[in-house]
Amino acid sequence: MSYRLEPNRPVPQSVRKIAASQIEDLIAEHGNGAASPVAVHEARKVLKRLRALLSLIRQGLDEDELAREKERLRGIAGTLAGARDAHVMIETATMLQNGAMPRSCQATSKALMTLLEVRRAEADEGEAGGNGGLPVDALQGAREALRGTLTPAPAGLARAGLRLDLDQPAAGAATVTLSRPERRNAMTPGTWRGLAAIGRSLPHSVRVVVVRGDGPSFCAGIDLRLFGAEGVAGEEPLPSPADAGFEDWISSCQEGFGWLHDPSIVSVAAVRGHAIGAGFQLALACDLRILTDDARLCMREPTLGLVPDLMGTKPLVDIVGLPRALELCLTGRSVAAAEAGALRLAELVVPAGDLDAAVADLVAAILTLDPATARATKRLLGQAPGHTLEQQAAAERRAQTALQRERLTGG
């Protein structure tokens, strides 16, 4: 993509200053850091984009390009969960490849987070009449550069209670299975790390992701043995809330759920039996849900002295509304499949024996759509709840223009 640079249309001074100083510092840090050749190569690819971005920040963007870049940034900001998805993607990929965490990789991660912070500052100034904007190429390029390059080993996923089957139930789809039926697919932090690893490694060819549970239950929630003295074999003890990094630890757990919102895929939860607590939140993380008629949903966390903290509260409120969400969370009651359908928590309720066929039919229908159109539509619809009618109408115009121009140019 080419940019027409016009110095008479600079970005806001505060944005330019923040971006320039921090990105230059991080580039310098990379130059001084010791890292393995593979890690340096990956980091340099990202930092090359950052240098190009810095040039654009200093010089400004053409007004039309500015509007398009602002729209792209708005479209991906929500899916990156404050840039932590990109942060962990870069760091984890490097750890897996090299068994270490080089400073160059840390610098890149911090730079990516800086970009979203600058985007937020730009958006604030834009609302006040500023004309700033930032290109998304550095952030999106970094994310795409590593996606699909690391496929988690089946043995590692099995230890986390997971299984990944590519091209299931159809070519272009993937099925993620919670595979601890003896524990009703109860989750551990290892499960959440495994889910995050799947999200980071998902091949570009995958357009639909199905999440399901092995056995008669979707997921019984967090493995309660983690709260006991003996814990769970192979799992580290849960960190203390008094630890300085406790909030960051929660964030790392959330990454196993956030990638299911990515506009590049459509995620489908196939829920049979119980989906409790973290299991309910995993189903809520998916774009669409198909339930069997024996399914039961329950937000159990408050009854255990916890708040739901795996990215489930926003979709729950968005779907059922604040009063009903409050009632479901504070009572901890189970929602049967029929009520879930009435509350719009399920797009479809089917007999247990028809679940596989119903999922396959839905996946096949989605895969018939042009991939670029599907991505643009999911991104556009995702913006609607936070927009006024006029703002969403403008978003529709921009999305349509970008999609059709991309088609004309063969991009």
Protein backbone atom coordinates (compact mmCIF):
# COMPACT_ATOMS: atom_id res chain seq x y z
CA MET A 1 0.00 0.00 0.00
CA SER A 2 1.43 3.43 -0.96
CA TYR A 3 1.09 6.62 1.07
CA ARG A 4 1.08 10.17 -0.25
CA LEU A 5 2.95 12.27 2.29
CA GLU A 6 1.97 15.89 2.77
CA PRO A 7 3.94 17.84 5.40
CA ASN A 8 1.23 20.49 5.50
CA ARG A 9 -1.08 17.91 7.07
CA PRO A 10 0.94 16.85 10.14
CA VAL A 11 -0.33 14.58 12.86
CA PRO A 12 -0.86 16.26 16.26
CA GLN A 13 2.35 17.39 17.94
CA SER A 14 1.73 15.33 21.09
CA VAL A 15 1.24 12.15 19.06
CA ARG A 16 4.34 12.80 16.97
CA LYS A 17 6.45 13.42 20.07
CA ILE A 18 5.31 10.32 21.93
CA ALA A 19 5.68 8.01 18.95
CA ALA A 20 9.01 9.38 17.76
CA SER A 21 10.76 9.31 21.12
CA GLN A 22 9.52 5.91 22.26
CA ILE A 23 9.96 4.10 18.96
CA GLU A 24 13.45 5.52 18.49
CA ASP A 25 14.39 4.39 22.00
CA LEU A 26 13.12 0.90 21.25
CA ILE A 27 15.00 0.70 17.98
CA ALA A 28 18.16 1.68 19.86
CA GLU A 29 17.43 -0.94 22.52
CA HIS A 30 17.11 -3.58 19.84
CA GLY A 31 20.48 -2.61 18.43
CA ASN A 32 22.15 -3.13 21.80
CA GLY A 33 20.37 -6.32 22.80
CA ALA A 34 21.84 -9.79 22.57
CA ALA A 35 19.57 -12.32 20.94
CA SER A 36 19.68 -15.43 18.83
CA PRO A 37 19.89 -14.94 15.05
CA VAL A 38 16.33 -16.16 14.49
CA ALA A 39 14.92 -13.82 17.11
CA VAL A 40 16.91 -10.89 15.76
CA HIS A 41 15.69 -11.62 12.24
CA GLU A 42 12.05 -11.66 13.34
CA ALA A 43 12.44 -8.55 15.45
CA ARG A 44 14.21 -6.67 12.66
CA LYS A 45 11.35 -7.36 10.26
CA VAL A 46 8.97 -5.72 12.69
CA LEU A 47 11.31 -2.85 13.51
CA LYS A 48 11.75 -2.13 9.82
CA ARG A 49 8.03 -1.46 9.71
CA LEU A 50 8.34 0.69 12.81
CA ARG A 51 11.00 2.84 11.15
CA ALA A 52 8.72 3.34 8.16
CA LEU A 53 5.92 4.22 10.53
CA LEU A 54 8.11 6.77 12.29
CA SER A 55 8.81 8.46 8.96
CA LEU A 56 5.10 8.67 8.24
CA ILE A 57 4.37 10.04 11.69
CA ARG A 58 6.90 12.82 11.20
CA GLN A 59 5.64 13.82 7.78
CA GLY A 60 1.88 13.26 8.00
CA LEU A 61 -0.63 11.51 5.77
CA ASP A 62 -2.85 12.53 2.90
CA GLU A 63 -6.39 13.20 4.17
CA ASP A 64 -7.98 10.26 2.32
CA GLU A 65 -5.30 7.86 3.52
CA LEU A 66 -5.70 9.27 7.00
CA ALA A 67 -9.40 8.42 7.09
CA ARG A 68 -8.76 4.88 5.88
CA GLU A 69 -5.98 4.27 8.39
CA LYS A 70 -8.09 5.56 11.26
CA GLU A 71 -10.84 3.16 10.27
CA ARG A 72 -8.45 0.23 10.09
CA LEU A 73 -7.07 1.08 13.51
CA ARG A 74 -10.53 1.23 15.01
CA GLY A 75 -11.31 -2.12 13.42
CA ILE A 76 -8.39 -4.00 14.94
CA ALA A 77 -7.97 -2.17 18.26
CA GLY A 78 -10.75 -4.11 19.93
CA THR A 79 -9.42 -7.46 18.75
CA LEU A 80 -5.98 -6.86 20.19
CA ALA A 81 -7.24 -6.35 23.75
CA GLY A 82 -4.97 -3.39 24.43
CA ALA A 83 -2.17 -4.79 22.26
CA ARG A 84 -1.51 -7.66 24.67
CA ASP A 85 -2.37 -10.18 21.96
CA ALA A 86 0.43 -8.79 19.81
CA HIS A 87 2.72 -8.52 22.85
CA VAL A 88 2.38 -12.14 23.87
CA MET A 89 2.41 -13.36 20.28
CA ILE A 90 5.83 -11.87 19.64
CA GLU A 91 7.30 -12.90 22.97
CA THR A 92 5.89 -16.41 23.04
CA ALA A 93 6.88 -17.15 19.47
CA THR A 94 10.44 -16.18 20.21
CA MET A 95 10.53 -18.19 23.42
CA LEU A 96 9.26 -21.28 21.62
CA GLN A 97 11.76 -20.91 18.82
CA ASN A 98 14.81 -20.07 20.88
CA GLY A 99 14.11 -20.99 24.48
CA ALA A 100 14.88 -17.47 25.67
CA MET A 101 13.41 -13.98 25.82
CA PRO A 102 15.82 -11.65 24.01
CA ARG A 103 15.70 -7.92 24.64
CA SER A 104 15.05 -7.29 20.96
CA CYS A 105 11.78 -9.16 21.23
CA GLN A 106 10.81 -7.24 24.36
CA ALA A 107 11.53 -4.00 22.55
CA THR A 108 9.31 -4.98 19.67
CA SER A 109 6.49 -5.91 22.00
CA LYS A 110 6.73 -2.61 23.83
CA ALA A 111 6.75 -0.77 20.52
CA LEU A 112 3.58 -2.50 19.43
CA MET A 113 1.86 -1.52 22.65
CA THR A 114 3.09 2.03 22.19
CA LEU A 115 1.37 2.17 18.82
CA LEU A 116 -2.03 1.44 20.28
CA GLU A 117 -1.44 3.93 23.08
CA VAL A 118 -0.60 6.52 20.44
CA ARG A 119 -3.71 5.49 18.52
CA ARG A 120 -5.79 6.22 21.60
CA ALA A 121 -4.17 9.63 22.00
CA GLU A 122 -4.77 10.32 18.32
CA ALA A 123 -8.41 9.31 18.64
CA ASP A 124 -8.84 11.64 21.62
CA GLU A 125 -7.34 14.55 19.74
CA GLY A 126 -9.32 13.64 16.64
CA GLU A 127 -12.55 13.94 18.58
CA ALA A 128 -11.44 17.39 19.67
CA GLY A 129 -10.87 18.49 16.11
CA GLY A 130 -7.36 17.22 15.44
CA ASN A 131 -6.40 15.66 12.14
CA GLY A 132 -3.95 13.01 13.25
CA GLY A 133 -3.70 9.41 12.20
CA LEU A 134 -1.34 6.45 12.30
CA PRO A 135 -0.87 3.71 9.72
CA VAL A 136 -1.62 0.21 10.90
CA ASP A 137 0.97 -1.59 8.78
CA ALA A 138 3.53 -1.96 11.58
CA LEU A 139 1.11 -3.50 14.02
CA GLN A 140 -0.82 -5.63 11.55
CA GLY A 141 2.34 -6.69 9.73
CA ALA A 142 3.96 -7.86 12.94
CA ARG A 143 0.89 -9.81 13.91
CA GLU A 144 0.59 -11.45 10.50
CA ALA A 145 4.32 -12.17 10.23
CA LEU A 146 4.20 -14.67 13.08
CA ARG A 147 0.69 -16.01 12.70
CA GLY A 148 0.74 -19.55 11.36
CA THR A 149 4.51 -20.02 11.77
CA LEU A 150 4.34 -22.04 14.97
CA THR A 151 1.97 -24.98 15.28
CA PRO A 152 1.73 -26.21 18.88
CA ALA A 153 2.90 -29.78 19.27
CA PRO A 154 0.01 -32.22 19.75
CA ALA A 155 1.69 -33.63 22.87
CA GLY A 156 1.94 -30.17 24.39
CA LEU A 157 -1.70 -29.46 23.64
CA ALA A 158 -2.71 -32.82 25.09
CA ARG A 159 -0.96 -31.94 28.36
CA ALA A 160 -3.01 -28.73 28.37
CA GLY A 161 -6.21 -30.72 27.81
CA LEU A 162 -6.63 -29.61 24.21
CA ARG A 163 -6.68 -31.00 20.69
CA LEU A 164 -6.43 -29.09 17.39
CA ASP A 165 -7.77 -30.61 14.18
CA LEU A 166 -7.14 -28.61 11.02
CA ASP A 167 -9.55 -28.88 8.07
CA GLN A 168 -12.29 -30.11 10.38
CA PRO A 169 -15.23 -30.17 9.87
CA ALA A 170 -14.25 -28.87 6.41
CA ALA A 171 -11.27 -27.50 4.52
CA GLY A 172 -10.73 -23.91 5.65
CA ALA A 173 -11.93 -24.66 9.17
CA ALA A 174 -10.31 -25.89 12.37
CA THR A 175 -11.75 -27.56 15.43
CA VAL A 176 -10.40 -26.91 18.92
CA THR A 177 -11.50 -29.59 21.37
CA LEU A 178 -11.32 -29.42 25.14
CA SER A 179 -10.11 -32.96 25.78
CA ARG A 180 -10.26 -33.78 29.48
CA PRO A 181 -13.58 -35.62 29.57
CA GLU A 182 -12.67 -37.36 32.84
CA ARG A 183 -12.76 -33.88 34.47
CA ARG A 184 -15.69 -32.67 32.34
CA ASN A 185 -13.11 -30.61 30.43
CA ALA A 186 -12.33 -28.44 33.45
CA MET A 187 -9.74 -25.79 32.62
CA THR A 188 -6.41 -24.83 34.10
CA PRO A 189 -4.03 -21.94 33.32
CA GLY A 190 -2.23 -24.44 31.11
CA THR A 191 -5.42 -24.82 29.09
CA TRP A 192 -5.65 -21.06 28.63
CA ARG A 193 -2.01 -20.87 27.56
CA GLY A 194 -2.67 -23.67 25.10
CA LEU A 195 -5.67 -21.85 23.67
CA ALA A 196 -3.57 -18.73 23.25
CA ALA A 197 -0.86 -20.74 21.48
CA ILE A 198 -3.46 -22.11 19.07
CA GLY A 199 -4.68 -18.60 18.34
CA ARG A 200 -1.17 -17.39 17.64
CA SER A 201 -0.32 -20.32 15.37
CA LEU A 202 -3.55 -20.61 13.41
CA PRO A 203 -2.74 -20.92 9.68
CA HIS A 204 -3.91 -18.13 7.39
CA SER A 205 -6.06 -20.62 5.51
CA VAL A 206 -8.32 -21.13 8.53
CA ARG A 207 -11.45 -19.00 8.27
CA VAL A 208 -13.77 -20.73 10.74
CA VAL A 209 -12.87 -22.09 14.17
CA VAL A 210 -15.15 -24.52 16.03
CA VAL A 211 -14.68 -24.88 19.79
CA ARG A 212 -16.19 -27.95 21.44
CA GLY A 213 -15.77 -30.30 24.38
CA ASP A 214 -14.95 -34.00 24.38
CA GLY A 215 -17.58 -36.13 26.10
CA PRO A 216 -20.96 -35.16 27.53
CA SER A 217 -19.94 -31.69 28.79
CA PHE A 218 -18.57 -28.64 27.02
CA CYS A 219 -16.63 -27.43 30.06
CA ALA A 220 -17.16 -27.54 33.83
CA GLY A 221 -15.16 -24.33 34.34
CA ILE A 222 -11.91 -23.94 36.21
CA ASP A 223 -10.52 -27.09 37.80
CA LEU A 224 -11.39 -26.50 41.45
CA ARG A 225 -8.43 -28.60 42.58
CA LEU A 226 -6.32 -25.53 41.77
CA PHE A 227 -7.75 -23.90 44.89
CA GLY A 228 -6.82 -26.86 47.09
CA ALA A 229 -3.60 -27.68 48.85
CA GLU A 230 -2.59 -30.43 46.41
CA GLY A 231 -3.35 -28.48 43.25
CA VAL A 232 -3.26 -30.08 39.80
CA ALA A 233 -0.37 -32.25 38.65
CA GLY A 234 1.77 -30.41 36.12
CA GLU A 235 0.30 -27.00 36.98
CA GLU A 236 2.06 -24.33 38.98
CA PRO A 237 0.19 -23.02 42.03
CA LEU A 238 -2.06 -20.06 41.35
CA PRO A 239 -0.27 -16.77 42.03
CA SER A 240 -1.18 -14.73 45.08
CA PRO A 241 -3.35 -11.64 44.54
CA ALA A 242 -0.70 -9.82 46.59
CA ASP A 243 1.87 -10.46 43.86
CA ALA A 244 2.79 -7.38 41.84
CA GLY A 245 2.20 -9.25 38.59
CA PHE A 246 -1.21 -10.68 39.48
CA GLU A 247 -3.13 -8.49 37.04
CA ASP A 248 -0.66 -9.33 34.27
CA TRP A 249 -1.17 -13.01 35.03
CA ILE A 250 -4.93 -12.59 34.56
CA SER A 251 -4.22 -10.81 31.29
CA SER A 252 -2.15 -13.78 30.10
CA CYS A 253 -5.09 -16.07 30.88
CA GLN A 254 -7.47 -13.83 28.93
CA GLU A 255 -5.34 -14.21 25.82
CA GLY A 256 -6.66 -17.73 25.40
CA PHE A 257 -10.09 -16.22 24.77
CA GLY A 258 -9.43 -12.90 22.99
CA TRP A 259 -8.21 -14.30 19.66
CA LEU A 260 -11.64 -15.83 19.00
CA HIS A 261 -12.90 -12.28 18.33
CA ASP A 262 -10.37 -11.75 15.50
CA PRO A 263 -12.08 -10.40 12.34
CA SER A 264 -10.07 -12.81 10.18
CA ILE A 265 -12.04 -15.79 11.52
CA VAL A 266 -15.58 -16.68 12.53
CA SER A 267 -15.66 -18.67 15.77
CA VAL A 268 -18.42 -21.13 16.62
CA ALA A 269 -19.00 -22.74 20.02
CA ALA A 270 -20.60 -26.19 19.83
CA VAL A 271 -21.97 -26.58 23.35
CA ARG A 272 -23.18 -29.91 24.69
CA GLY A 273 -24.04 -30.39 28.33
CA HIS A 274 -22.64 -27.99 30.91
CA ALA A 275 -20.76 -24.78 30.14
CA ILE A 276 -19.94 -23.41 33.59
CA GLY A 277 -17.89 -20.38 34.58
CA ALA A 278 -14.79 -20.29 32.39
CA GLY A 279 -16.56 -22.69 30.02
CA PHE A 280 -19.49 -20.28 29.67
CA GLN A 281 -17.02 -17.45 29.06
CA LEU A 282 -15.28 -19.50 26.37
CA ALA A 283 -18.63 -19.99 24.63
CA LEU A 284 -19.29 -16.26 24.95
CA ALA A 285 -15.90 -15.53 23.37
CA CYS A 286 -17.13 -17.19 20.17
CA ASP A 287 -19.08 -15.26 17.57
CA LEU A 288 -21.82 -17.87 17.31
CA ARG A 289 -23.13 -20.60 19.58
CA ILE A 290 -25.00 -23.82 18.79
CA LEU A 291 -26.38 -25.60 21.86
CA THR A 292 -27.79 -29.07 22.31
CA ASP A 293 -31.16 -29.26 24.01
CA ASP A 294 -29.50 -30.65 27.17
CA ALA A 295 -27.02 -27.77 27.44
CA ARG A 296 -26.89 -25.63 30.57
CA LEU A 297 -25.02 -22.34 30.93
CA CYS A 298 -23.92 -20.90 34.27
CA MET A 299 -21.72 -17.97 35.37
CA ARG A 300 -20.53 -19.54 38.61
CA GLU A 301 -17.62 -17.23 39.51
CA PRO A 302 -19.42 -14.86 41.93
CA THR A 303 -20.62 -17.83 44.01
CA LEU A 304 -16.92 -18.72 44.47
CA GLY A 305 -15.98 -15.19 45.56
CA LEU A 306 -14.63 -14.31 42.11
CA VAL A 307 -15.70 -11.96 39.32
CA PRO A 308 -15.89 -13.30 35.75
CA ASP A 309 -12.50 -12.25 34.36
CA LEU A 310 -11.98 -14.19 31.13
CA MET A 311 -13.47 -11.60 28.77
CA GLY A 312 -17.01 -12.88 29.24
CA THR A 313 -18.71 -9.89 30.85
CA LYS A 314 -18.89 -7.65 27.79
CA PRO A 315 -20.39 -10.21 25.38
CA LEU A 316 -22.80 -11.31 28.10
CA VAL A 317 -24.06 -7.75 28.66
CA ASP A 318 -24.09 -7.04 24.92
CA ILE A 319 -26.25 -10.10 24.27
CA VAL A 320 -28.70 -10.20 27.18
CA GLY A 321 -28.53 -6.65 28.55
CA LEU A 322 -27.25 -5.38 31.89
CA PRO A 323 -30.19 -6.35 34.14
CA ARG A 324 -30.31 -9.97 32.95
CA ALA A 325 -26.51 -10.26 33.02
CA LEU A 326 -26.52 -9.01 36.60
CA GLU A 327 -29.21 -11.50 37.59
CA LEU A 328 -27.38 -14.43 35.97
CA CYS A 329 -24.05 -13.57 37.58
CA LEU A 330 -25.28 -12.77 41.08
CA THR A 331 -27.56 -15.77 41.39
CA GLY A 332 -25.23 -18.22 39.67
CA ARG A 333 -28.25 -20.07 38.35
CA SER A 334 -28.17 -22.41 35.38
CA VAL A 335 -29.76 -21.40 32.11
CA ALA A 336 -31.31 -24.28 30.20
CA ALA A 337 -30.94 -24.47 26.42
CA ALA A 338 -34.48 -23.29 25.68
CA GLU A 339 -34.03 -20.17 27.81
CA ALA A 340 -30.58 -19.60 26.32
CA GLY A 341 -32.18 -19.50 22.89
CA ALA A 342 -34.79 -17.02 24.10
CA LEU A 343 -32.06 -14.83 25.60
CA ARG A 344 -30.11 -14.92 22.30
CA LEU A 345 -27.24 -16.81 23.96
CA ALA A 346 -27.68 -19.49 21.29
CA GLU A 347 -28.19 -19.00 17.58
CA LEU A 348 -29.50 -22.55 17.33
CA VAL A 349 -30.66 -25.27 19.75
CA VAL A 350 -30.64 -28.84 18.40
CA PRO A 351 -30.99 -32.40 19.71
CA ALA A 352 -27.69 -33.81 20.95
CA GLY A 353 -27.51 -36.24 18.05
CA ASP A 354 -27.79 -33.39 15.53
CA LEU A 355 -25.00 -31.20 16.89
CA ASP A 356 -22.27 -32.34 14.49
CA ALA A 357 -24.50 -31.93 11.45
CA ALA A 358 -25.72 -28.51 12.55
CA VAL A 359 -22.15 -27.29 13.10
CA ALA A 360 -21.03 -28.69 9.75
CA ASP A 361 -23.91 -26.97 7.96
CA LEU A 362 -23.14 -23.61 9.56
CA VAL A 363 -19.42 -23.89 8.81
CA ALA A 364 -20.13 -24.82 5.19
CA ALA A 365 -22.43 -21.82 4.78
CA ILE A 366 -19.82 -19.42 6.16
CA LEU A 367 -17.06 -20.87 3.99
CA THR A 368 -19.05 -20.20 0.81
CA LEU A 369 -18.61 -16.48 1.40
CA ASP A 370 -15.71 -14.53 -0.09
CA PRO A 371 -13.04 -14.29 2.67
CA ALA A 372 -12.45 -10.55 2.31
CA THR A 373 -16.18 -9.89 2.45
CA ALA A 374 -16.55 -12.03 5.57
CA ARG A 375 -13.70 -10.21 7.33
CA ALA A 376 -15.00 -6.78 6.39
CA THR A 377 -18.53 -7.66 7.47
CA LYS A 378 -17.47 -9.02 10.88
CA ARG A 379 -15.31 -5.96 11.50
CA LEU A 380 -18.10 -3.60 10.44
CA LEU A 381 -20.75 -5.25 12.60
CA GLY A 382 -18.36 -5.28 15.55
CA GLN A 383 -18.17 -1.50 15.44
CA ALA A 384 -21.94 -0.97 15.49
CA PRO A 385 -22.60 -1.19 19.27
CA GLY A 386 -20.25 1.73 19.96
CA HIS A 387 -21.47 3.91 17.07
CA THR A 388 -24.30 6.31 16.56
CA LEU A 389 -26.41 5.75 13.43
CA GLU A 390 -24.46 8.45 11.62
CA GLN A 391 -21.10 7.00 12.66
CA GLN A 392 -22.09 3.51 11.58
CA ALA A 393 -23.37 4.83 8.25
CA ALA A 394 -19.98 6.44 7.70
CA ALA A 395 -18.28 3.19 8.68
CA GLU A 396 -20.41 1.35 6.11
CA ARG A 397 -19.36 3.77 3.39
CA ARG A 398 -15.68 3.41 4.24
CA ALA A 399 -15.85 -0.36 4.50
CA GLN A 400 -17.65 -0.72 1.19
CA THR A 401 -15.25 1.62 -0.58
CA ALA A 402 -12.19 -0.16 0.79
CA LEU A 403 -13.57 -3.61 -0.05
CA GLN A 404 -14.54 -2.75 -3.61
CA ARG A 405 -11.32 -0.85 -4.31
CA GLU A 406 -9.32 -3.79 -3.00
CA ARG A 407 -11.24 -6.03 -5.33
CA LEU A 408 -10.57 -3.73 -8.29
CA THR A 409 -6.86 -3.64 -7.62
CA GLY A 410 -6.66 -7.34 -6.88
CA GLY A 411 -5.32 -6.64 -3.38
